[in-house]
C-alpha atoms as a PDB file:
ATOM      1  CA  UNK A   1     -31.081 -27.057  87.129  1.00  0.00           C
ATOM      2  CA  UNK A   2     -27.421 -27.904  86.728  1.00  0.00           C
ATOM      3  CA  UNK A   3     -25.788 -26.928  83.494  1.00  0.00           C
ATOM      4  CA  UNK A   4     -23.320 -29.065  81.604  1.00  0.00           C
ATOM      5  CA  UNK A   5     -22.184 -27.678  78.261  1.00  0.00           C
ATOM      6  CA  UNK A   6     -22.207 -30.172  75.389  1.00  0.00           C
ATOM      7  CA  UNK A   7     -20.672 -28.702  72.228  1.00  0.00           C
ATOM      8  CA  UNK A   8     -22.392 -29.141  68.878  1.00  0.00           C
ATOM      9  CA  UNK A   9     -20.218 -28.743  65.857  1.00  0.00           C
ATOM     10  CA  UNK A  10     -22.010 -26.909  63.026  1.00  0.00           C
ATOM     11  CA  UNK A  11     -22.029 -28.415  59.558  1.00  0.00           C
ATOM     12  CA  UNK A  12     -22.479 -25.833  56.796  1.00  0.00           C
ATOM     13  CA  UNK A  13     -25.096 -26.568  54.155  1.00  0.00           C
ATOM     14  CA  UNK A  14     -25.665 -24.438  51.061  1.00  0.00           C
ATOM     15  CA  UNK A  15     -28.575 -22.010  51.544  1.00  0.00           C
ATOM     16  CA  UNK A  16     -29.796 -23.720  54.664  1.00  0.00           C
ATOM     17  CA  UNK A  17     -28.705 -23.135  58.213  1.00  0.00           C
ATOM     18  CA  UNK A  18     -26.119 -25.269  59.899  1.00  0.00           C
ATOM     19  CA  UNK A  19     -25.902 -25.253  63.600  1.00  0.00           C
ATOM     20  CA  UNK A  20     -25.471 -26.505  71.599  1.00  0.00           C
ATOM     21  CA  UNK A  21     -28.681 -22.358  77.517  1.00  0.00           C
ATOM     22  CA  UNK A  22     -27.411 -22.351  80.588  1.00  0.00           C
ATOM     23  CA  UNK A  23     -30.926 -22.380  82.043  1.00  0.00           C
ATOM     24  CA  UNK A  24     -34.424 -22.368  80.660  1.00  0.00           C
ATOM     25  CA  UNK A  25     -36.795 -20.572  82.978  1.00  0.00           C
ATOM     26  CA  UNK A  26     -38.778 -18.723  80.325  1.00  0.00           C
ATOM     27  CA  UNK A  27     -38.272 -17.565  76.765  1.00  0.00           C
ATOM     28  CA  UNK A  28     -39.766 -14.201  77.732  1.00  0.00           C
ATOM     29  CA  UNK A  29     -38.008 -13.530  81.048  1.00  0.00           C
ATOM     30  CA  UNK A  30     -34.843 -15.526  80.563  1.00  0.00           C
ATOM     31  CA  UNK A  31     -33.028 -16.682  83.692  1.00  0.00           C
ATOM     32  CA  UNK A  32     -33.450 -14.893  86.968  1.00  0.00           C
ATOM     33  CA  UNK A  33     -30.623 -14.209  89.388  1.00  0.00           C
ATOM     34  CA  UNK A  34     -32.976 -13.400  92.263  1.00  0.00           C
ATOM     35  CA  UNK A  35     -36.570 -14.411  92.770  1.00  0.00           C
ATOM     36  CA  UNK A  36     -39.001 -12.169  90.898  1.00  0.00           C
ATOM     37  CA  UNK A  37     -36.186 -10.107  89.327  1.00  0.00           C
ATOM     38  CA  UNK A  38     -36.251 -10.762  85.567  1.00  0.00           C
ATOM     39  CA  UNK A  39     -33.060 -10.546  83.520  1.00  0.00           C
ATOM     40  CA  UNK A  40     -32.671  -9.957  79.818  1.00  0.00           C
ATOM     41  CA  UNK A  41     -34.157 -12.668  77.586  1.00  0.00           C
ATOM     42  CA  UNK A  42     -31.818 -15.351  76.282  1.00  0.00           C
ATOM     43  CA  UNK A  43     -30.837 -14.552  72.699  1.00  0.00           C
ATOM     44  CA  UNK A  44     -29.423 -16.755  69.978  1.00  0.00           C
ATOM     45  CA  UNK A  45     -25.948 -15.647  68.854  1.00  0.00           C
ATOM     46  CA  UNK A  46     -25.800 -13.827  65.525  1.00  0.00           C
ATOM     47  CA  UNK A  47     -23.436 -16.336  63.876  1.00  0.00           C
ATOM     48  CA  UNK A  48     -26.259 -18.301  62.209  1.00  0.00           C
ATOM     49  CA  UNK A  49     -29.042 -16.253  60.699  1.00  0.00           C
ATOM     50  CA  UNK A  50     -31.250 -15.979  57.648  1.00  0.00           C
ATOM     51  CA  UNK A  51     -34.283 -14.002  56.517  1.00  0.00           C
ATOM     52  CA  UNK A  52     -37.918 -15.028  56.802  1.00  0.00           C
ATOM     53  CA  UNK A  53     -41.144 -13.429  55.664  1.00  0.00           C
ATOM     54  CA  UNK A  54     -44.876 -14.035  55.905  1.00  0.00           C
ATOM     55  CA  UNK A  55     -44.628 -15.991  52.636  1.00  0.00           C
ATOM     56  CA  UNK A  56     -41.373 -17.834  53.525  1.00  0.00           C
ATOM     57  CA  UNK A  57     -41.631 -18.984  57.140  1.00  0.00           C
ATOM     58  CA  UNK A  58     -39.736 -22.289  56.821  1.00  0.00           C
ATOM     59  CA  UNK A  59     -36.038 -22.678  57.575  1.00  0.00           C
ATOM     60  CA  UNK A  60     -34.017 -25.865  57.090  1.00  0.00           C
ATOM     61  CA  UNK A  61     -31.566 -26.480  59.951  1.00  0.00           C
ATOM     62  CA  UNK A  62     -28.776 -29.082  59.663  1.00  0.00           C
ATOM     63  CA  UNK A  63     -26.176 -30.044  62.252  1.00  0.00           C
ATOM     64  CA  UNK A  64     -24.270 -32.945  63.790  1.00  0.00           C
ATOM     65  CA  UNK A  65     -25.091 -34.047  67.326  1.00  0.00           C
ATOM     66  CA  UNK A  66     -22.196 -33.712  69.805  1.00  0.00           C
ATOM     67  CA  UNK A  67     -20.144 -36.790  70.717  1.00  0.00           C
ATOM     68  CA  UNK A  68     -18.122 -35.347  73.616  1.00  0.00           C
ATOM     69  CA  UNK A  69     -18.920 -33.212  76.635  1.00  0.00           C
ATOM     70  CA  UNK A  70     -17.456 -29.748  77.157  1.00  0.00           C
ATOM     71  CA  UNK A  71     -14.829 -31.465  79.350  1.00  0.00           C
ATOM     72  CA  UNK A  72     -13.785 -33.662  76.418  1.00  0.00           C
ATOM     73  CA  UNK A  73     -15.313 -36.827  77.850  1.00  0.00           C
ATOM     74  CA  UNK A  74     -17.149 -39.287  75.601  1.00  0.00           C
ATOM     75  CA  UNK A  75     -20.855 -38.523  75.542  1.00  0.00           C
ATOM     76  CA  UNK A  76     -23.023 -41.396  76.774  1.00  0.00           C
ATOM     77  CA  UNK A  77     -26.349 -39.864  77.854  1.00  0.00           C
ATOM     78  CA  UNK A  78     -27.538 -37.527  75.092  1.00  0.00           C
ATOM     79  CA  UNK A  79     -31.336 -37.296  75.232  1.00  0.00           C
ATOM     80  CA  UNK A  80     -32.178 -34.601  72.689  1.00  0.00           C
ATOM     81  CA  UNK A  81     -31.167 -31.483  70.857  1.00  0.00           C
ATOM     82  CA  UNK A  82     -33.347 -28.381  70.836  1.00  0.00           C
ATOM     83  CA  UNK A  83     -33.653 -25.883  67.996  1.00  0.00           C
ATOM     84  CA  UNK A  84     -34.511 -22.273  68.854  1.00  0.00           C
ATOM     85  CA  UNK A  85     -35.253 -19.217  66.715  1.00  0.00           C
ATOM     86  CA  UNK A  86     -34.822 -15.567  67.721  1.00  0.00           C
ATOM     87  CA  UNK A  87     -36.547 -12.696  65.909  1.00  0.00           C
ATOM     88  CA  UNK A  88     -34.775 -10.131  68.100  1.00  0.00           C
ATOM     89  CA  UNK A  89     -36.773 -10.393  71.306  1.00  0.00           C
ATOM     90  CA  UNK A  90     -35.234 -13.556  72.737  1.00  0.00           C
ATOM     91  CA  UNK A  91     -35.106 -17.150  71.721  1.00  0.00           C
ATOM     92  CA  UNK A  92     -38.219 -19.263  71.244  1.00  0.00           C
ATOM     93  CA  UNK A  93     -38.529 -23.038  71.075  1.00  0.00           C
ATOM     94  CA  UNK A  94     -38.873 -24.266  67.510  1.00  0.00           C
ATOM     95  CA  UNK A  95     -38.410 -28.029  67.851  1.00  0.00           C
ATOM     96  CA  UNK A  96     -37.043 -30.703  70.165  1.00  0.00           C
ATOM     97  CA  UNK A  97     -35.278 -33.529  68.337  1.00  0.00           C
ATOM     98  CA  UNK A  98     -34.750 -36.855  70.141  1.00  0.00           C
ATOM     99  CA  UNK A  99     -31.121 -38.025  70.077  1.00  0.00           C
ATOM    100  CA  UNK A 100     -30.280 -40.574  67.410  1.00  0.00           C
ATOM    101  CA  UNK A 101     -28.355 -42.492  70.104  1.00  0.00           C
ATOM    102  CA  UNK A 102     -27.018 -41.754  73.625  1.00  0.00           C
ATOM    103  CA  UNK A 103     -23.491 -41.270  72.254  1.00  0.00           C
ATOM    104  CA  UNK A 104     -24.611 -38.606  69.756  1.00  0.00           C
ATOM    105  CA  UNK A 105     -22.990 -38.089  66.379  1.00  0.00           C
ATOM    106  CA  UNK A 106     -26.188 -38.260  64.337  1.00  0.00           C
ATOM    107  CA  UNK A 107     -26.652 -36.050  61.287  1.00  0.00           C
ATOM    108  CA  UNK A 108     -29.759 -33.932  61.900  1.00  0.00           C
ATOM    109  CA  UNK A 109     -31.726 -32.078  59.241  1.00  0.00           C
ATOM    110  CA  UNK A 110     -34.991 -30.479  60.327  1.00  0.00           C
ATOM    111  CA  UNK A 111     -37.309 -27.844  58.911  1.00  0.00           C
ATOM    112  CA  UNK A 112     -38.704 -25.352  61.398  1.00  0.00           C
ATOM    113  CA  UNK A 113     -41.475 -22.813  60.999  1.00  0.00           C
ATOM    114  CA  UNK A 114     -40.881 -19.243  62.176  1.00  0.00           C
ATOM    115  CA  UNK A 115     -44.207 -17.455  62.736  1.00  0.00           C
ATOM    116  CA  UNK A 116     -44.034 -13.963  61.285  1.00  0.00           C
ATOM    117  CA  UNK A 117     -46.944 -11.704  60.430  1.00  0.00           C
ATOM    118  CA  UNK A 118     -45.205  -8.523  59.301  1.00  0.00           C
ATOM    119  CA  UNK A 119     -44.762  -7.555  55.684  1.00  0.00           C
ATOM    120  CA  UNK A 120     -41.288  -7.765  54.204  1.00  0.00           C
ATOM    121  CA  UNK A 121     -38.337  -9.822  55.329  1.00  0.00           C
ATOM    122  CA  UNK A 122     -37.080 -10.129  58.880  1.00  0.00           C
ATOM    123  CA  UNK A 123     -33.776 -11.525  60.137  1.00  0.00           C
ATOM    124  CA  UNK A 124     -34.056 -14.642  62.297  1.00  0.00           C
ATOM    125  CA  UNK A 125     -31.218 -16.128  64.338  1.00  0.00           C
ATOM    126  CA  UNK A 126     -31.050 -19.879  64.868  1.00  0.00           C
ATOM    127  CA  UNK A 127     -29.325 -21.755  67.693  1.00  0.00           C
ATOM    128  CA  UNK A 128     -29.263 -25.308  69.030  1.00  0.00           C
ATOM    129  CA  UNK A 129     -28.580 -26.872  72.427  1.00  0.00           C
ATOM    130  CA  UNK A 130     -27.973 -30.449  73.560  1.00  0.00           C
ATOM    131  CA  UNK A 131     -29.589 -31.979  76.653  1.00  0.00           C
ATOM    132  CA  UNK A 132     -28.561 -35.128  78.516  1.00  0.00           C
ATOM    133  CA  UNK A 133     -30.951 -37.604  80.140  1.00  0.00           C
ATOM    134  CA  UNK A 134     -30.620 -35.741  83.478  1.00  0.00           C
ATOM    135  CA  UNK A 135     -31.990 -32.519  81.970  1.00  0.00           C
ATOM    136  CA  UNK A 136     -28.641 -30.696  81.774  1.00  0.00           C
ATOM    137  CA  UNK A 137     -28.752 -28.371  78.753  1.00  0.00           C
ATOM    138  CA  UNK A 138     -25.646 -27.118  76.987  1.00  0.00           C
ATOM    139  CA  UNK A 139     -24.779 -23.614  75.957  1.00  0.00           C
ATOM    140  CA  UNK A 140     -26.253 -22.365  72.671  1.00  0.00           C
ATOM    141  CA  UNK A 141     -24.373 -22.816  69.435  1.00  0.00           C
ATOM    142  CA  UNK A 142     -22.337 -19.755  68.502  1.00  0.00           C
END
């Protein structure tokens, strides 16, 4: 799969998370450099995080879709954005959100559920990517 970074500019929202994988082979094994040689799992950056617990598993995520490519060109083929969560063992798919339009720019606000069974609070990292209609997925949000 070719990669084509599409930046997503985070939009801060009070007490919710505001929040673009170079490849997506597996959330458990990450990307592999050589066949059958697993690398470290892909992890969401630590810039956007909150706490979840068995009694508070929902997280509201808000962001603006990108409107330009990483090369600064006008975006014309945005297909979706993808929200991931990371409890410390690599990112996991939370939700795929269809693009509001091929040129991006839509204001997105979604609630995701983070499955957690342990007692007490646990830190969860959140990241988002953008994908064009050819399947090219951007880097994760910082």
